[in-house]
Amino acid sequence: RGRRRDDSLPYNRARDVQRAFRARRAAHLSNLEQRVQDLEEENAHLREALRLPPSDRPPIGTGPTGR
């Protein structure tokens, strides 16, 4: 999205800091999404073992963001 990065520009520390921040944020979000998915699967297995009805919450991936 936006303009393509010009690699001929001189080194810019602020740009590298921003890239590192975005990479850390993306990794953190993907980690959180994986943890939520694992916990929902565990919850479903425990509900089956205890013979409880399934959760009435919509599954992940049906929200406005599609995740």
PDB file of N, CA and C in Angstrom:
ATOM      1  N   ARG A   1       0.834  -1.163   0.000  1.00  0.00           N
ATOM      2  CA  ARG A   1       0.000   0.000   0.000  1.00  0.00           C
ATOM      3  C   ARG A   1       0.884   1.233   0.000  1.00  0.00           C
ATOM      4  N   GLY A   2       0.555   2.215  -0.761  1.00  0.00           N
ATOM      5  CA  GLY A   2       1.363   3.422  -0.824  1.00  0.00           C
ATOM      6  C   GLY A   2       2.482   3.283  -1.821  1.00  0.00           C
ATOM      7  N   ARG A   3       3.458   4.137  -1.677  1.00  0.00           N
ATOM      8  CA  ARG A   3       4.590   4.108  -2.610  1.00  0.00           C
ATOM      9  C   ARG A   3       5.556   3.001  -2.273  1.00  0.00           C
ATOM     10  N   ARG A   4       6.234   2.564  -3.295  1.00  0.00           N
ATOM     11  CA  ARG A   4       7.245   1.543  -3.085  1.00  0.00           C
ATOM     12  C   ARG A   4       8.456   2.179  -2.423  1.00  0.00           C
ATOM     13  N   ARG A   5       9.091   1.431  -1.523  1.00  0.00           N
ATOM     14  CA  ARG A   5      10.247   1.933  -0.798  1.00  0.00           C
ATOM     15  C   ARG A   5      11.416   2.156  -1.747  1.00  0.00           C
ATOM     16  N   ASP A   6      12.074   3.294  -1.581  1.00  0.00           N
ATOM     17  CA  ASP A   6      13.242   3.618  -2.401  1.00  0.00           C
ATOM     18  C   ASP A   6      14.486   3.184  -1.639  1.00  0.00           C
ATOM     19  N   ASP A   7      15.118   2.119  -2.093  1.00  0.00           N
ATOM     20  CA  ASP A   7      16.290   1.586  -1.395  1.00  0.00           C
ATOM     21  C   ASP A   7      17.539   2.425  -1.602  1.00  0.00           C
ATOM     22  N   SER A   8      17.494   3.420  -2.481  1.00  0.00           N
ATOM     23  CA  SER A   8      18.668   4.244  -2.704  1.00  0.00           C
ATOM     24  C   SER A   8      18.772   5.384  -1.684  1.00  0.00           C
ATOM     25  N   LEU A   9      17.740   5.521  -0.815  1.00  0.00           N
ATOM     26  CA  LEU A   9      17.785   6.581   0.201  1.00  0.00           C
ATOM     27  C   LEU A   9      18.831   6.244   1.252  1.00  0.00           C
ATOM     28  N   PRO A  10      19.402   7.269   1.888  1.00  0.00           N
ATOM     29  CA  PRO A  10      20.397   7.004   2.934  1.00  0.00           C
ATOM     30  C   PRO A  10      19.757   6.333   4.145  1.00  0.00           C
ATOM     31  N   TYR A  11      20.614   5.745   4.981  1.00  0.00           N
ATOM     32  CA  TYR A  11      20.185   5.053   6.184  1.00  0.00           C
ATOM     33  C   TYR A  11      19.391   6.000   7.076  1.00  0.00           C
ATOM     34  N   ASN A  12      18.271   5.507   7.609  1.00  0.00           N
ATOM     35  CA  ASN A  12      17.441   6.309   8.482  1.00  0.00           C
ATOM     36  C   ASN A  12      17.060   5.463   9.691  1.00  0.00           C
ATOM     37  N   ARG A  13      17.572   5.843  10.874  1.00  0.00           N
ATOM     38  CA  ARG A  13      17.340   5.053  12.072  1.00  0.00           C
ATOM     39  C   ARG A  13      15.860   5.030  12.439  1.00  0.00           C
ATOM     40  N   ALA A  14      15.160   6.133  12.272  1.00  0.00           N
ATOM     41  CA  ALA A  14      13.740   6.193  12.621  1.00  0.00           C
ATOM     42  C   ALA A  14      12.933   5.181  11.797  1.00  0.00           C
ATOM     43  N   ARG A  15      13.307   5.028  10.544  1.00  0.00           N
ATOM     44  CA  ARG A  15      12.611   4.072   9.690  1.00  0.00           C
ATOM     45  C   ARG A  15      12.854   2.648  10.179  1.00  0.00           C
ATOM     46  N   ASP A  16      14.090   2.352  10.582  1.00  0.00           N
ATOM     47  CA  ASP A  16      14.402   1.019  11.092  1.00  0.00           C
ATOM     48  C   ASP A  16      13.691   0.745  12.409  1.00  0.00           C
ATOM     49  N   VAL A  17      13.606   1.764  13.265  1.00  0.00           N
ATOM     50  CA  VAL A  17      12.908   1.608  14.537  1.00  0.00           C
ATOM     51  C   VAL A  17      11.432   1.318  14.274  1.00  0.00           C
ATOM     52  N   GLN A  18      10.847   2.035  13.333  1.00  0.00           N
ATOM     53  CA  GLN A  18       9.441   1.821  13.010  1.00  0.00           C
ATOM     54  C   GLN A  18       9.212   0.422  12.435  1.00  0.00           C
ATOM     55  N   ARG A  19      10.098  -0.026  11.564  1.00  0.00           N
ATOM     56  CA  ARG A  19       9.972  -1.374  10.996  1.00  0.00           C
ATOM     57  C   ARG A  19      10.079  -2.431  12.088  1.00  0.00           C
ATOM     58  N   ALA A  20      11.025  -2.247  13.006  1.00  0.00           N
ATOM     59  CA  ALA A  20      11.191  -3.207  14.094  1.00  0.00           C
ATOM     60  C   ALA A  20       9.944  -3.233  14.977  1.00  0.00           C
ATOM     61  N   PHE A  21       9.378  -2.064  15.245  1.00  0.00           N
ATOM     62  CA  PHE A  21       8.161  -1.993  16.054  1.00  0.00           C
ATOM     63  C   PHE A  21       7.017  -2.731  15.370  1.00  0.00           C
ATOM     64  N   ARG A  22       6.854  -2.505  14.082  1.00  0.00           N
ATOM     65  CA  ARG A  22       5.772  -3.167  13.351  1.00  0.00           C
ATOM     66  C   ARG A  22       5.973  -4.677  13.323  1.00  0.00           C
ATOM     67  N   ALA A  23       7.215  -5.117  13.185  1.00  0.00           N
ATOM     68  CA  ALA A  23       7.500  -6.558  13.182  1.00  0.00           C
ATOM     69  C   ALA A  23       7.192  -7.167  14.545  1.00  0.00           C
ATOM     70  N   ARG A  24       7.580  -6.473  15.626  1.00  0.00           N
ATOM     71  CA  ARG A  24       7.285  -6.978  16.965  1.00  0.00           C
ATOM     72  C   ARG A  24       5.785  -7.023  17.210  1.00  0.00           C
ATOM     73  N   ARG A  25       5.079  -5.994  16.774  1.00  0.00           N
ATOM     74  CA  ARG A  25       3.626  -5.951  16.960  1.00  0.00           C
ATOM     75  C   ARG A  25       2.950  -7.079  16.184  1.00  0.00           C
ATOM     76  N   ALA A  26       3.368  -7.309  14.959  1.00  0.00           N
ATOM     77  CA  ALA A  26       2.779  -8.391  14.163  1.00  0.00           C
ATOM     78  C   ALA A  26       3.047  -9.748  14.808  1.00  0.00           C
ATOM     79  N   ALA A  27       4.263  -9.941  15.309  1.00  0.00           N
ATOM     80  CA  ALA A  27       4.590 -11.206  15.964  1.00  0.00           C
ATOM     81  C   ALA A  27       3.765 -11.382  17.234  1.00  0.00           C
ATOM     82  N   HIS A  28       3.597 -10.316  17.995  1.00  0.00           N
ATOM     83  CA  HIS A  28       2.819 -10.380  19.230  1.00  0.00           C
ATOM     84  C   HIS A  28       1.358 -10.705  18.930  1.00  0.00           C
ATOM     85  N   LEU A  29       0.789 -10.052  17.921  1.00  0.00           N
ATOM     86  CA  LEU A  29      -0.606 -10.312  17.569  1.00  0.00           C
ATOM     87  C   LEU A  29      -0.808 -11.736  17.077  1.00  0.00           C
ATOM     88  N   SER A  30       0.105 -12.234  16.271  1.00  0.00           N
ATOM     89  CA  SER A  30      -0.039 -13.605  15.789  1.00  0.00           C
ATOM     90  C   SER A  30       0.092 -14.594  16.945  1.00  0.00           C
ATOM     91  N   ASN A  31       0.970 -14.281  17.910  1.00  0.00           N
ATOM     92  CA  ASN A  31       1.115 -15.126  19.092  1.00  0.00           C
ATOM     93  C   ASN A  31      -0.182 -15.124  19.897  1.00  0.00           C
ATOM     94  N   LEU A  32      -0.781 -13.957  20.081  1.00  0.00           N
ATOM     95  CA  LEU A  32      -2.038 -13.874  20.821  1.00  0.00           C
ATOM     96  C   LEU A  32      -3.158 -14.629  20.109  1.00  0.00           C
ATOM     97  N   GLU A  33      -3.222 -14.501  18.795  1.00  0.00           N
ATOM     98  CA  GLU A  33      -4.246 -15.218  18.043  1.00  0.00           C
ATOM     99  C   GLU A  33      -4.083 -16.722  18.193  1.00  0.00           C
ATOM    100  N   GLN A  34      -2.845 -17.199  18.177  1.00  0.00           N
ATOM    101  CA  GLN A  34      -2.584 -18.630  18.341  1.00  0.00           C
ATOM    102  C   GLN A  34      -2.986 -19.085  19.736  1.00  0.00           C
ATOM    103  N   ARG A  35      -2.666 -18.287  20.756  1.00  0.00           N
ATOM    104  CA  ARG A  35      -3.034 -18.650  22.123  1.00  0.00           C
ATOM    105  C   ARG A  35      -4.548 -18.719  22.285  1.00  0.00           C
ATOM    106  N   VAL A  36      -5.264 -17.757  21.709  1.00  0.00           N
ATOM    107  CA  VAL A  36      -6.728 -17.766  21.806  1.00  0.00           C
ATOM    108  C   VAL A  36      -7.285 -19.004  21.119  1.00  0.00           C
ATOM    109  N   GLN A  37      -6.759 -19.330  19.958  1.00  0.00           N
ATOM    110  CA  GLN A  37      -7.226 -20.516  19.242  1.00  0.00           C
ATOM    111  C   GLN A  37      -6.981 -21.772  20.065  1.00  0.00           C
ATOM    112  N   ASP A  38      -5.793 -21.891  20.665  1.00  0.00           N
ATOM    113  CA  ASP A  38      -5.484 -23.053  21.495  1.00  0.00           C
ATOM    114  C   ASP A  38      -6.416 -23.138  22.699  1.00  0.00           C
ATOM    115  N   LEU A  39      -6.667 -22.005  23.338  1.00  0.00           N
ATOM    116  CA  LEU A  39      -7.545 -21.999  24.506  1.00  0.00           C
ATOM    117  C   LEU A  39      -8.986 -22.332  24.134  1.00  0.00           C
ATOM    118  N   GLU A  40      -9.440 -21.878  22.975  1.00  0.00           N
ATOM    119  CA  GLU A  40     -10.795 -22.226  22.548  1.00  0.00           C
ATOM    120  C   GLU A  40     -10.912 -23.716  22.257  1.00  0.00           C
ATOM    121  N   GLU A  41      -9.890 -24.298  21.661  1.00  0.00           N
ATOM    122  CA  GLU A  41      -9.913 -25.744  21.420  1.00  0.00           C
ATOM    123  C   GLU A  41      -9.918 -26.506  22.745  1.00  0.00           C
ATOM    124  N   GLU A  42      -9.098 -26.062  23.692  1.00  0.00           N
ATOM    125  CA  GLU A  42      -9.060 -26.705  24.996  1.00  0.00           C
ATOM    126  C   GLU A  42     -10.418 -26.577  25.686  1.00  0.00           C
ATOM    127  N   ASN A  43     -11.022 -25.402  25.589  1.00  0.00           N
ATOM    128  CA  ASN A  43     -12.330 -25.188  26.191  1.00  0.00           C
ATOM    129  C   ASN A  43     -13.373 -26.124  25.585  1.00  0.00           C
ATOM    130  N   ALA A  44     -13.319 -26.288  24.267  1.00  0.00           N
ATOM    131  CA  ALA A  44     -14.273 -27.174  23.609  1.00  0.00           C
ATOM    132  C   ALA A  44     -14.088 -28.621  24.078  1.00  0.00           C
ATOM    133  N   HIS A  45     -12.834 -29.060  24.217  1.00  0.00           N
ATOM    134  CA  HIS A  45     -12.571 -30.428  24.678  1.00  0.00           C
ATOM    135  C   HIS A  45     -13.047 -30.610  26.118  1.00  0.00           C
ATOM    136  N   LEU A  46     -12.808 -29.621  26.963  1.00  0.00           N
ATOM    137  CA  LEU A  46     -13.251 -29.728  28.352  1.00  0.00           C
ATOM    138  C   LEU A  46     -14.766 -29.730  28.449  1.00  0.00           C
ATOM    139  N   ARG A  47     -15.426 -28.929  27.606  1.00  0.00           N
ATOM    140  CA  ARG A  47     -16.891 -28.921  27.614  1.00  0.00           C
ATOM    141  C   ARG A  47     -17.436 -30.287  27.185  1.00  0.00           C
ATOM    142  N   GLU A  48     -16.791 -30.919  26.211  1.00  0.00           N
ATOM    143  CA  GLU A  48     -17.209 -32.254  25.792  1.00  0.00           C
ATOM    144  C   GLU A  48     -17.005 -33.259  26.924  1.00  0.00           C
ATOM    145  N   ALA A  49     -15.854 -33.158  27.609  1.00  0.00           N
ATOM    146  CA  ALA A  49     -15.553 -34.102  28.679  1.00  0.00           C
ATOM    147  C   ALA A  49     -16.529 -33.951  29.847  1.00  0.00           C
ATOM    148  N   LEU A  50     -16.955 -32.723  30.116  1.00  0.00           N
ATOM    149  CA  LEU A  50     -17.882 -32.476  31.226  1.00  0.00           C
ATOM    150  C   LEU A  50     -19.338 -32.511  30.789  1.00  0.00           C
ATOM    151  N   ARG A  51     -19.553 -32.802  29.515  1.00  0.00           N
ATOM    152  CA  ARG A  51     -20.899 -32.866  28.936  1.00  0.00           C
ATOM    153  C   ARG A  51     -21.667 -31.561  29.137  1.00  0.00           C
ATOM    154  N   LEU A  52     -20.977 -30.457  28.881  1.00  0.00           N
ATOM    155  CA  LEU A  52     -21.603 -29.136  28.920  1.00  0.00           C
ATOM    156  C   LEU A  52     -21.998 -28.732  27.506  1.00  0.00           C
ATOM    157  N   PRO A  53     -22.967 -27.848  27.365  1.00  0.00           N
ATOM    158  CA  PRO A  53     -23.325 -27.404  26.009  1.00  0.00           C
ATOM    159  C   PRO A  53     -22.188 -26.588  25.400  1.00  0.00           C
ATOM    160  N   PRO A  54     -22.112 -26.538  24.083  1.00  0.00           N
ATOM    161  CA  PRO A  54     -21.057 -25.751  23.443  1.00  0.00           C
ATOM    162  C   PRO A  54     -21.196 -24.268  23.785  1.00  0.00           C
ATOM    163  N   SER A  55     -20.114 -23.570  23.676  1.00  0.00           N
ATOM    164  CA  SER A  55     -20.112 -22.140  23.954  1.00  0.00           C
ATOM    165  C   SER A  55     -21.017 -21.418  22.963  1.00  0.00           C
ATOM    166  N   ASP A  56     -21.685 -20.368  23.426  1.00  0.00           N
ATOM    167  CA  ASP A  56     -22.587 -19.629  22.545  1.00  0.00           C
ATOM    168  C   ASP A  56     -21.886 -18.463  21.850  1.00  0.00           C
ATOM    169  N   ARG A  57     -20.589 -18.396  21.983  1.00  0.00           N
ATOM    170  CA  ARG A  57     -19.831 -17.328  21.327  1.00  0.00           C
ATOM    171  C   ARG A  57     -19.538 -17.701  19.882  1.00  0.00           C
ATOM    172  N   PRO A  58     -19.530 -16.706  18.997  1.00  0.00           N
ATOM    173  CA  PRO A  58     -19.193 -17.030  17.610  1.00  0.00           C
ATOM    174  C   PRO A  58     -17.716 -17.425  17.496  1.00  0.00           C
ATOM    175  N   PRO A  59     -17.394 -18.319  16.580  1.00  0.00           N
ATOM    176  CA  PRO A  59     -15.993 -18.726  16.434  1.00  0.00           C
ATOM    177  C   PRO A  59     -15.124 -17.585  15.930  1.00  0.00           C
ATOM    178  N   ILE A  60     -13.849 -17.683  16.203  1.00  0.00           N
ATOM    179  CA  ILE A  60     -12.914 -16.665  15.743  1.00  0.00           C
ATOM    180  C   ILE A  60     -12.870 -16.697  14.227  1.00  0.00           C
ATOM    181  N   GLY A  61     -12.755 -15.525  13.641  1.00  0.00           N
ATOM    182  CA  GLY A  61     -12.710 -15.422  12.193  1.00  0.00           C
ATOM    183  C   GLY A  61     -14.014 -14.937  11.610  1.00  0.00           C
ATOM    184  N   THR A  62     -14.997 -14.681  12.469  1.00  0.00           N
ATOM    185  CA  THR A  62     -16.275 -14.205  11.965  1.00  0.00           C
ATOM    186  C   THR A  62     -16.507 -12.746  12.308  1.00  0.00           C
ATOM    187  N   GLY A  63     -15.540 -12.118  12.963  1.00  0.00           N
ATOM    188  CA  GLY A  63     -15.708 -10.715  13.360  1.00  0.00           C
ATOM    189  C   GLY A  63     -15.465  -9.766  12.210  1.00  0.00           C
ATOM    190  N   PRO A  64     -15.504  -8.460  12.502  1.00  0.00           N
ATOM    191  CA  PRO A  64     -15.352  -7.468  11.444  1.00  0.00           C
ATOM    192  C   PRO A  64     -13.966  -7.472  10.795  1.00  0.00           C
ATOM    193  N   THR A  65     -12.948  -7.947  11.528  1.00  0.00           N
ATOM    194  CA  THR A  65     -11.611  -7.963  10.959  1.00  0.00           C
ATOM    195  C   THR A  65     -11.325  -9.245  10.199  1.00  0.00           C
ATOM    196  N   GLY A  66     -12.184 -10.253  10.359  1.00  0.00           N
ATOM    197  CA  GLY A  66     -11.969 -11.521   9.666  1.00  0.00           C
ATOM    198  C   GLY A  66     -10.934 -12.390  10.321  1.00  0.00           C
ATOM    199  N   ARG A  67     -10.586 -12.082  11.557  1.00  0.00           N
ATOM    200  CA  ARG A  67      -9.603 -12.893  12.298  1.00  0.00           C
ATOM    201  C   ARG A  67     -10.233 -13.502  13.491  1.00  0.00           C
TER     202      ARG A  67
END
